[in-house]
Amino acid sequence: GGGVVLTNTTEAAATGTHSLRTTGRTQGFHGPSLNILG
């Protein structure tokens, strides 16, 4: 989605010290995505 920003951050983490933060969403289907073809 246009405007979506992904940032590796240390603001919060489930384990360890890092996580991936998603901001800039304007639609429900916006978010982080991963190509799993193959």
Full PDB file with SEQRES, HELIX, SHEET, SSBOND, CRYST1, ORIGX, SCALE, CONECT and MASTER records, all heavy atoms in Angstrom:
SEQRES   1 A   38  GLY GLY GLY VAL VAL LEU THR ASN THR THR GLU ALA ALA          
SEQRES   2 A   38  ALA THR GLY THR HIS SER LEU ARG THR THR GLY ARG THR          
SEQRES   3 A   38  GLN GLY PHE HIS GLY PRO SER LEU ASN ILE LEU GLY              
SHEET    1 AA1 2 VAL A   5  THR A   9  0                                        
SHEET    2 AA1 2 SER A  19  THR A  23 -1                                        
CRYST1    1.000    1.000    1.000  90.00  90.00  90.00 P 1           1          
ORIGX1      1.000000  0.000000  0.000000        0.00000                         
ORIGX2      0.000000  1.000000  0.000000        0.00000                         
ORIGX3      0.000000  0.000000  1.000000        0.00000                         
SCALE1      1.000000  0.000000  0.000000        0.00000                         
SCALE2      0.000000  1.000000  0.000000        0.00000                         
SCALE3      0.000000  0.000000  1.000000        0.00000                         
ATOM      1  N   GLY A   1       0.818  -1.207   0.000  1.00  0.00           N  
ATOM      2  CA  GLY A   1       0.000   0.000   0.000  1.00  0.00           C  
ATOM      3  C   GLY A   1       0.848   1.252   0.000  1.00  0.00           C  
ATOM      4  O   GLY A   1       1.890   1.325   0.655  1.00  0.00           O  
ATOM      5  N   GLY A   2       0.412   2.245  -0.772  1.00  0.00           N  
ATOM      6  CA  GLY A   2       1.135   3.496  -0.849  1.00  0.00           C  
ATOM      7  C   GLY A   2       1.179   4.211   0.494  1.00  0.00           C  
ATOM      8  O   GLY A   2       0.179   4.267   1.213  1.00  0.00           O  
ATOM      9  N   GLY A   3       2.326   4.742   0.846  1.00  0.00           N  
ATOM     10  CA  GLY A   3       2.481   5.469   2.091  1.00  0.00           C  
ATOM     11  C   GLY A   3       2.881   4.620   3.277  1.00  0.00           C  
ATOM     12  O   GLY A   3       3.250   5.161   4.334  1.00  0.00           O  
ATOM     13  N   VAL A   4       2.802   3.297   3.153  1.00  0.00           N  
ATOM     14  CA  VAL A   4       3.171   2.416   4.259  1.00  0.00           C  
ATOM     15  C   VAL A   4       4.681   2.461   4.468  1.00  0.00           C  
ATOM     16  O   VAL A   4       5.461   2.378   3.514  1.00  0.00           O  
ATOM     17  CB  VAL A   4       2.706   0.970   3.992  1.00  0.00           C  
ATOM     18  CG1 VAL A   4       3.250   0.020   5.054  1.00  0.00           C  
ATOM     19  CG2 VAL A   4       1.185   0.901   3.938  1.00  0.00           C  
ATOM     20  N   VAL A   5       5.102   2.605   5.718  1.00  0.00           N  
ATOM     21  CA  VAL A   5       6.520   2.667   6.056  1.00  0.00           C  
ATOM     22  C   VAL A   5       6.844   1.527   7.020  1.00  0.00           C  
ATOM     23  O   VAL A   5       6.175   1.366   8.052  1.00  0.00           O  
ATOM     24  CB  VAL A   5       6.892   4.011   6.701  1.00  0.00           C  
ATOM     25  CG1 VAL A   5       8.367   4.028   7.103  1.00  0.00           C  
ATOM     26  CG2 VAL A   5       6.574   5.157   5.752  1.00  0.00           C  
ATOM     27  N   LEU A   6       7.862   0.730   6.674  1.00  0.00           N  
ATOM     28  CA  LEU A   6       8.320  -0.348   7.534  1.00  0.00           C  
ATOM     29  C   LEU A   6       9.662   0.037   8.138  1.00  0.00           C  
ATOM     30  O   LEU A   6      10.590   0.414   7.423  1.00  0.00           O  
ATOM     31  CB  LEU A   6       8.461  -1.661   6.751  1.00  0.00           C  
ATOM     32  CG  LEU A   6       7.229  -2.152   5.989  1.00  0.00           C  
ATOM     33  CD1 LEU A   6       7.521  -3.501   5.347  1.00  0.00           C  
ATOM     34  CD2 LEU A   6       6.015  -2.234   6.903  1.00  0.00           C  
ATOM     35  N   THR A   7       9.771  -0.089   9.455  1.00  0.00           N  
ATOM     36  CA  THR A   7      10.979   0.324  10.161  1.00  0.00           C  
ATOM     37  C   THR A   7      11.396  -0.741  11.157  1.00  0.00           C  
ATOM     38  O   THR A   7      10.573  -1.179  11.977  1.00  0.00           O  
ATOM     39  CB  THR A   7      10.752   1.645  10.919  1.00  0.00           C  
ATOM     40  OG1 THR A   7      10.224   2.625  10.035  1.00  0.00           O  
ATOM     41  CG2 THR A   7      12.053   2.144  11.524  1.00  0.00           C  
ATOM     42  N   ASN A   8      12.641  -1.189  11.085  1.00  0.00           N  
ATOM     43  CA  ASN A   8      13.181  -2.053  12.121  1.00  0.00           C  
ATOM     44  C   ASN A   8      13.430  -1.181  13.353  1.00  0.00           C  
ATOM     45  O   ASN A   8      14.089  -0.148  13.283  1.00  0.00           O  
ATOM     46  CB  ASN A   8      14.482  -2.708  11.657  1.00  0.00           C  
ATOM     47  CG  ASN A   8      14.968  -3.758  12.636  1.00  0.00           C  
ATOM     48  OD1 ASN A   8      15.251  -3.475  13.784  1.00  0.00           O  
ATOM     49  ND2 ASN A   8      15.061  -4.995  12.154  1.00  0.00           N  
ATOM     50  N   THR A   9      12.875  -1.588  14.496  1.00  0.00           N  
ATOM     51  CA  THR A   9      12.898  -0.730  15.667  1.00  0.00           C  
ATOM     52  C   THR A   9      13.226  -1.508  16.935  1.00  0.00           C  
ATOM     53  O   THR A   9      13.026  -2.737  16.989  1.00  0.00           O  
ATOM     54  CB  THR A   9      11.533  -0.029  15.845  1.00  0.00           C  
ATOM     55  OG1 THR A   9      11.569   0.832  16.979  1.00  0.00           O  
ATOM     56  CG2 THR A   9      10.422  -1.054  16.026  1.00  0.00           C  
ATOM     57  N   THR A  10      13.705  -0.784  17.933  1.00  0.00           N  
ATOM     58  CA  THR A  10      13.912  -1.366  19.264  1.00  0.00           C  
ATOM     59  C   THR A  10      12.898  -0.808  20.266  1.00  0.00           C  
ATOM     60  O   THR A  10      13.064  -0.951  21.472  1.00  0.00           O  
ATOM     61  CB  THR A  10      15.345  -1.071  19.763  1.00  0.00           C  
ATOM     62  OG1 THR A  10      15.556   0.344  19.777  1.00  0.00           O  
ATOM     63  CG2 THR A  10      16.382  -1.745  18.879  1.00  0.00           C  
ATOM     64  N   GLU A  11      11.841  -0.172  19.779  1.00  0.00           N  
ATOM     65  CA  GLU A  11      10.812   0.377  20.674  1.00  0.00           C  
ATOM     66  C   GLU A  11      10.109  -0.727  21.465  1.00  0.00           C  
ATOM     67  O   GLU A  11       9.729  -0.522  22.621  1.00  0.00           O  
ATOM     68  CB  GLU A  11       9.771   1.146  19.860  1.00  0.00           C  
ATOM     69  CG  GLU A  11      10.287   2.411  19.216  1.00  0.00           C  
ATOM     70  CD  GLU A  11       9.247   3.057  18.316  1.00  0.00           C  
ATOM     71  OE1 GLU A  11       8.185   2.433  18.074  1.00  0.00           O  
ATOM     72  OE2 GLU A  11       9.500   4.172  17.847  1.00  0.00           O  
ATOM     73  N   ALA A  12       9.903  -1.880  20.830  1.00  0.00           N  
ATOM     74  CA  ALA A  12       9.206  -2.995  21.469  1.00  0.00           C  
ATOM     75  C   ALA A  12       9.634  -4.276  20.779  1.00  0.00           C  
ATOM     76  O   ALA A  12       9.999  -4.270  19.593  1.00  0.00           O  
ATOM     77  CB  ALA A  12       7.688  -2.820  21.372  1.00  0.00           C  
ATOM     78  N   ALA A  13       9.576  -5.377  21.504  1.00  0.00           N  
ATOM     79  CA  ALA A  13       9.932  -6.671  20.921  1.00  0.00           C  
ATOM     80  C   ALA A  13       9.250  -7.779  21.708  1.00  0.00           C  
ATOM     81  O   ALA A  13       9.096  -7.690  22.932  1.00  0.00           O  
ATOM     82  CB  ALA A  13      11.445  -6.868  20.919  1.00  0.00           C  
ATOM     83  N   ALA A  14       8.827  -8.805  20.995  1.00  0.00           N  
ATOM     84  CA  ALA A  14       8.249  -9.973  21.671  1.00  0.00           C  
ATOM     85  C   ALA A  14       9.350 -10.768  22.350  1.00  0.00           C  
ATOM     86  O   ALA A  14       9.199 -11.235  23.485  1.00  0.00           O  
ATOM     87  CB  ALA A  14       7.491 -10.837  20.679  1.00  0.00           C  
ATOM     88  N   THR A  15      10.463 -10.941  21.645  1.00  0.00           N  
ATOM     89  CA  THR A  15      11.675 -11.534  22.205  1.00  0.00           C  
ATOM     90  C   THR A  15      12.851 -10.739  21.659  1.00  0.00           C  
ATOM     91  O   THR A  15      12.740 -10.070  20.630  1.00  0.00           O  
ATOM     92  CB  THR A  15      11.821 -13.012  21.829  1.00  0.00           C  
ATOM     93  OG1 THR A  15      11.874 -13.132  20.403  1.00  0.00           O  
ATOM     94  CG2 THR A  15      10.678 -13.841  22.376  1.00  0.00           C  
ATOM     95  N   GLY A  16      13.977 -10.836  22.302  1.00  0.00           N  
ATOM     96  CA  GLY A  16      15.121 -10.058  21.842  1.00  0.00           C  
ATOM     97  C   GLY A  16      14.887  -8.575  22.047  1.00  0.00           C  
ATOM     98  O   GLY A  16      14.200  -8.142  22.980  1.00  0.00           O  
ATOM     99  N   THR A  17      15.426  -7.769  21.114  1.00  0.00           N  
ATOM    100  CA  THR A  17      15.330  -6.309  21.255  1.00  0.00           C  
ATOM    101  C   THR A  17      14.730  -5.614  20.050  1.00  0.00           C  
ATOM    102  O   THR A  17      14.474  -4.411  20.103  1.00  0.00           O  
ATOM    103  CB  THR A  17      16.722  -5.716  21.514  1.00  0.00           C  
ATOM    104  OG1 THR A  17      17.613  -6.087  20.432  1.00  0.00           O  
ATOM    105  CG2 THR A  17      17.305  -6.232  22.831  1.00  0.00           C  
ATOM    106  N   HIS A  18      14.495  -6.336  18.938  1.00  0.00           N  
ATOM    107  CA  HIS A  18      14.033  -5.708  17.700  1.00  0.00           C  
ATOM    108  C   HIS A  18      12.675  -6.253  17.261  1.00  0.00           C  
ATOM    109  O   HIS A  18      12.305  -7.391  17.571  1.00  0.00           O  
ATOM    110  CB  HIS A  18      15.046  -5.944  16.571  1.00  0.00           C  
ATOM    111  CG  HIS A  18      16.348  -5.230  16.751  1.00  0.00           C  
ATOM    112  ND1 HIS A  18      16.685  -4.104  16.030  1.00  0.00           N  
ATOM    113  CD2 HIS A  18      17.403  -5.487  17.560  1.00  0.00           C  
ATOM    114  CE1 HIS A  18      17.891  -3.698  16.387  1.00  0.00           C  
ATOM    115  NE2 HIS A  18      18.352  -4.528  17.322  1.00  0.00           N  
ATOM    116  N   SER A  19      11.961  -5.434  16.508  1.00  0.00           N  
ATOM    117  CA  SER A  19      10.735  -5.849  15.841  1.00  0.00           C  
ATOM    118  C   SER A  19      10.588  -5.010  14.576  1.00  0.00           C  
ATOM    119  O   SER A  19      11.388  -4.113  14.315  1.00  0.00           O  
ATOM    120  CB  SER A  19       9.515  -5.675  16.754  1.00  0.00           C  
ATOM    121  OG  SER A  19       9.299  -4.300  17.055  1.00  0.00           O  
ATOM    122  N   LEU A  20       9.540  -5.299  13.791  1.00  0.00           N  
ATOM    123  CA  LEU A  20       9.257  -4.532  12.575  1.00  0.00           C  
ATOM    124  C   LEU A  20       8.021  -3.674  12.813  1.00  0.00           C  
ATOM    125  O   LEU A  20       6.940  -4.198  13.106  1.00  0.00           O  
ATOM    126  CB  LEU A  20       9.032  -5.463  11.388  1.00  0.00           C  
ATOM    127  CG  LEU A  20       8.881  -4.774  10.027  1.00  0.00           C  
ATOM    128  CD1 LEU A  20      10.188  -4.104   9.608  1.00  0.00           C  
ATOM    129  CD2 LEU A  20       8.433  -5.779   8.961  1.00  0.00           C  
ATOM    130  N   ARG A  21       8.169  -2.334  12.696  1.00  0.00           N  
ATOM    131  CA  ARG A  21       7.066  -1.401  12.930  1.00  0.00           C  
ATOM    132  C   ARG A  21       6.452  -0.986  11.604  1.00  0.00           C  
ATOM    133  O   ARG A  21       7.165  -0.684  10.643  1.00  0.00           O  
ATOM    134  CB  ARG A  21       7.561  -0.168  13.675  1.00  0.00           C  
ATOM    135  CG  ARG A  21       6.458   0.823  14.047  1.00  0.00           C  
ATOM    136  CD  ARG A  21       7.046   2.054  14.715  1.00  0.00           C  
ATOM    137  NE  ARG A  21       7.911   2.790  13.788  1.00  0.00           N  
ATOM    138  CZ  ARG A  21       8.892   3.608  14.171  1.00  0.00           C  
ATOM    139  NH1 ARG A  21       9.158   3.765  15.459  1.00  0.00           N  
ATOM    140  NH2 ARG A  21       9.607   4.249  13.276  1.00  0.00           N  
ATOM    141  N   THR A  22       5.121  -0.992  11.555  1.00  0.00           N  
ATOM    142  CA  THR A  22       4.384  -0.558  10.368  1.00  0.00           C  
ATOM    143  C   THR A  22       3.630   0.719  10.692  1.00  0.00           C  
ATOM    144  O   THR A  22       2.828   0.753  11.634  1.00  0.00           O  
ATOM    145  CB  THR A  22       3.392  -1.645   9.912  1.00  0.00           C  
ATOM    146  OG1 THR A  22       4.109  -2.828   9.579  1.00  0.00           O  
ATOM    147  CG2 THR A  22       2.602  -1.180   8.693  1.00  0.00           C  
ATOM    148  N   THR A  23       3.853   1.770   9.898  1.00  0.00           N  
ATOM    149  CA  THR A  23       3.143   3.044  10.054  1.00  0.00           C  
ATOM    150  C   THR A  23       2.706   3.520   8.671  1.00  0.00           C  
ATOM    151  O   THR A  23       3.077   2.948   7.644  1.00  0.00           O  
ATOM    152  CB  THR A  23       4.042   4.111  10.708  1.00  0.00           C  
ATOM    153  OG1 THR A  23       5.234   4.267   9.925  1.00  0.00           O  
ATOM    154  CG2 THR A  23       4.422   3.704  12.130  1.00  0.00           C  
ATOM    155  N   GLY A  24       1.897   4.594   8.650  1.00  0.00           N  
ATOM    156  CA  GLY A  24       1.493   5.198   7.388  1.00  0.00           C  
ATOM    157  C   GLY A  24       0.358   4.494   6.680  1.00  0.00           C  
ATOM    158  O   GLY A  24       0.093   4.762   5.497  1.00  0.00           O  
ATOM    159  N   ARG A  25      -0.359   3.602   7.357  1.00  0.00           N  
ATOM    160  CA  ARG A  25      -1.470   2.879   6.735  1.00  0.00           C  
ATOM    161  C   ARG A  25      -2.683   3.796   6.576  1.00  0.00           C  
ATOM    162  O   ARG A  25      -2.994   4.598   7.456  1.00  0.00           O  
ATOM    163  CB  ARG A  25      -1.852   1.659   7.568  1.00  0.00           C  
ATOM    164  CG  ARG A  25      -0.748   0.640   7.728  1.00  0.00           C  
ATOM    165  CD  ARG A  25      -1.137  -0.506   8.677  1.00  0.00           C  
ATOM    166  NE  ARG A  25      -2.283  -1.257   8.165  1.00  0.00           N  
ATOM    167  CZ  ARG A  25      -3.507  -1.191   8.671  1.00  0.00           C  
ATOM    168  NH1 ARG A  25      -3.761  -0.381   9.705  1.00  0.00           N  
ATOM    169  NH2 ARG A  25      -4.487  -1.902   8.147  1.00  0.00           N  
ATOM    170  N   THR A  26      -3.393   3.608   5.460  1.00  0.00           N  
ATOM    171  CA  THR A  26      -4.630   4.359   5.234  1.00  0.00           C  
ATOM    172  C   THR A  26      -5.784   3.450   4.787  1.00  0.00           C  
ATOM    173  O   THR A  26      -6.900   3.921   4.571  1.00  0.00           O  
ATOM    174  CB  THR A  26      -4.422   5.448   4.169  1.00  0.00           C  
ATOM    175  OG1 THR A  26      -3.946   4.851   2.958  1.00  0.00           O  
ATOM    176  CG2 THR A  26      -3.422   6.490   4.654  1.00  0.00           C  
ATOM    177  N   GLN A  27      -5.494   2.155   4.620  1.00  0.00           N  
ATOM    178  CA  GLN A  27      -6.516   1.179   4.226  1.00  0.00           C  
ATOM    179  C   GLN A  27      -6.336  -0.081   5.075  1.00  0.00           C  
ATOM    180  O   GLN A  27      -5.223  -0.395   5.519  1.00  0.00           O  
ATOM    181  CB  GLN A  27      -6.394   0.809   2.740  1.00  0.00           C  
ATOM    182  CG  GLN A  27      -6.607   1.950   1.771  1.00  0.00           C  
ATOM    183  CD  GLN A  27      -8.064   2.370   1.678  1.00  0.00           C  
ATOM    184  OE1 GLN A  27      -8.960   1.609   2.049  1.00  0.00           O  
ATOM    185  NE2 GLN A  27      -8.308   3.587   1.198  1.00  0.00           N  
ATOM    186  N   GLY A  28      -7.435  -0.783   5.269  1.00  0.00           N  
ATOM    187  CA  GLY A  28      -7.360  -1.995   6.076  1.00  0.00           C  
ATOM    188  C   GLY A  28      -6.385  -3.016   5.540  1.00  0.00           C  
ATOM    189  O   GLY A  28      -5.733  -3.734   6.302  1.00  0.00           O  
ATOM    190  N   PHE A  29      -6.268  -3.118   4.215  1.00  0.00           N  
ATOM    191  CA  PHE A  29      -5.410  -4.136   3.616  1.00  0.00           C  
ATOM    192  C   PHE A  29      -3.952  -3.685   3.498  1.00  0.00           C  
ATOM    193  O   PHE A  29      -3.117  -4.425   2.975  1.00  0.00           O  
ATOM    194  CB  PHE A  29      -5.941  -4.542   2.236  1.00  0.00           C  
ATOM    195  CG  PHE A  29      -6.128  -3.396   1.285  1.00  0.00           C  
ATOM    196  CD1 PHE A  29      -5.059  -2.885   0.570  1.00  0.00           C  
ATOM    197  CD2 PHE A  29      -7.381  -2.827   1.111  1.00  0.00           C  
ATOM    198  CE1 PHE A  29      -5.226  -1.830  -0.310  1.00  0.00           C  
ATOM    199  CE2 PHE A  29      -7.562  -1.762   0.237  1.00  0.00           C  
ATOM    200  CZ  PHE A  29      -6.480  -1.263  -0.478  1.00  0.00           C  
ATOM    201  N   HIS A  30      -3.635  -2.494   3.962  1.00  0.00           N  
ATOM    202  CA  HIS A  30      -2.241  -2.041   3.982  1.00  0.00           C  
ATOM    203  C   HIS A  30      -1.493  -2.726   5.126  1.00  0.00           C  
ATOM    204  O   HIS A  30      -2.075  -3.019   6.170  1.00  0.00           O  
ATOM    205  CB  HIS A  30      -2.174  -0.532   4.164  1.00  0.00           C  
ATOM    206  CG  HIS A  30      -2.580   0.242   2.954  1.00  0.00           C  
ATOM    207  ND1 HIS A  30      -2.656   1.615   2.946  1.00  0.00           N  
ATOM    208  CD2 HIS A  30      -2.940  -0.156   1.711  1.00  0.00           C  
ATOM    209  CE1 HIS A  30      -3.044   2.036   1.750  1.00  0.00           C  
ATOM    210  NE2 HIS A  30      -3.232   0.970   0.994  1.00  0.00           N  
ATOM    211  N   GLY A  31      -0.198  -2.936   4.934  1.00  0.00           N  
ATOM    212  CA  GLY A  31       0.594  -3.522   6.004  1.00  0.00           C  
ATOM    213  C   GLY A  31       1.903  -4.085   5.489  1.00  0.00           C  
ATOM    214  O   GLY A  31       2.252  -3.936   4.301  1.00  0.00           O  
ATOM    215  N   PRO A  32       2.645  -4.749   6.340  1.00  0.00           N  
ATOM    216  CA  PRO A  32       3.882  -5.398   5.899  1.00  0.00           C  
ATOM    217  C   PRO A  32       3.541  -6.663   5.121  1.00  0.00           C  
ATOM    218  O   PRO A  32       2.595  -7.384   5.457  1.00  0.00           O  
ATOM    219  CB  PRO A  32       4.580  -5.728   7.222  1.00  0.00           C  
ATOM    220  CG  PRO A  32       3.465  -5.909   8.201  1.00  0.00           C  
ATOM    221  CD  PRO A  32       2.394  -4.950   7.778  1.00  0.00           C  
ATOM    222  N   SER A  33       4.313  -6.937   4.085  1.00  0.00           N  
ATOM    223  CA  SER A  33       4.029  -8.101   3.244  1.00  0.00           C  
ATOM    224  C   SER A  33       5.313  -8.846   2.927  1.00  0.00           C  
ATOM    225  O   SER A  33       6.409  -8.275   2.946  1.00  0.00           O  
ATOM    226  CB  SER A  33       3.323  -7.690   1.952  1.00  0.00           C  
ATOM    227  OG  SER A  33       4.172  -6.888   1.147  1.00  0.00           O  
ATOM    228  N   LEU A  34       5.157 -10.132   2.622  1.00  0.00           N  
ATOM    229  CA  LEU A  34       6.296 -11.000   2.339  1.00  0.00           C  
ATOM    230  C   LEU A  34       5.960 -11.884   1.148  1.00  0.00           C  
ATOM    231  O   LEU A  34       4.935 -12.574   1.142  1.00  0.00           O  
ATOM    232  CB  LEU A  34       6.617 -11.868   3.557  1.00  0.00           C  
ATOM    233  CG  LEU A  34       7.862 -12.753   3.474  1.00  0.00           C  
ATOM    234  CD1 LEU A  34       9.124 -11.892   3.465  1.00  0.00           C  
ATOM    235  CD2 LEU A  34       7.894 -13.743   4.639  1.00  0.00           C  
ATOM    236  N   ASN A  35       6.811 -11.852   0.135  1.00  0.00           N  
ATOM    237  CA  ASN A  35       6.619 -12.695  -1.043  1.00  0.00           C  
ATOM    238  C   ASN A  35       7.013 -14.127  -0.697  1.00  0.00           C  
ATOM    239  O   ASN A  35       8.174 -14.404  -0.408  1.00  0.00           O  
ATOM    240  CB  ASN A  35       7.464 -12.170  -2.207  1.00  0.00           C  
ATOM    241  CG  ASN A  35       7.222 -12.943  -3.497  1.00  0.00           C  
ATOM    242  OD1 ASN A  35       6.445 -13.897  -3.532  1.00  0.00           O  
ATOM    243  ND2 ASN A  35       7.887 -12.524  -4.563  1.00  0.00           N  
ATOM    244  N   ILE A  36       6.046 -15.047  -0.702  1.00  0.00           N  
ATOM    245  CA  ILE A  36       6.333 -16.440  -0.358  1.00  0.00           C  
ATOM    246  C   ILE A  36       6.179 -17.357  -1.569  1.00  0.00           C  
ATOM    247  O   ILE A  36       6.159 -18.583  -1.415  1.00  0.00           O  
ATOM    248  CB  ILE A  36       5.441 -16.908   0.810  1.00  0.00           C  
ATOM    249  CG1 ILE A  36       3.956 -16.682   0.503  1.00  0.00           C  
ATOM    250  CG2 ILE A  36       5.846 -16.210   2.092  1.00  0.00           C  
ATOM    251  CD1 ILE A  36       3.025 -17.255   1.563  1.00  0.00           C  
ATOM    252  N   LEU A  37       6.082 -16.779  -2.770  1.00  0.00           N  
ATOM    253  CA  LEU A  37       6.059 -17.596  -3.980  1.00  0.00           C  
ATOM    254  C   LEU A  37       7.409 -18.292  -4.112  1.00  0.00           C  
ATOM    255  O   LEU A  37       8.460 -17.660  -4.024  1.00  0.00           O  
ATOM    256  CB  LEU A  37       5.796 -16.729  -5.209  1.00  0.00           C  
ATOM    257  CG  LEU A  37       5.723 -17.469  -6.550  1.00  0.00           C  
ATOM    258  CD1 LEU A  37       4.513 -18.394  -6.578  1.00  0.00           C  
ATOM    259  CD2 LEU A  37       5.651 -16.471  -7.714  1.00  0.00           C  
ATOM    260  N   GLY A  38       7.394 -19.575  -4.310  1.00  0.00           N  
ATOM    261  CA  GLY A  38       8.632 -20.337  -4.380  1.00  0.00           C  
ATOM    262  C   GLY A  38       9.094 -20.846  -3.032  1.00  0.00           C  
ATOM    263  O   GLY A  38      10.000 -21.682  -2.957  1.00  0.00           O  
TER     264      GLY A  38                                                      
MASTER        0    0    0    0    2    0    0    6  263    1    0    3          
END                                                                             
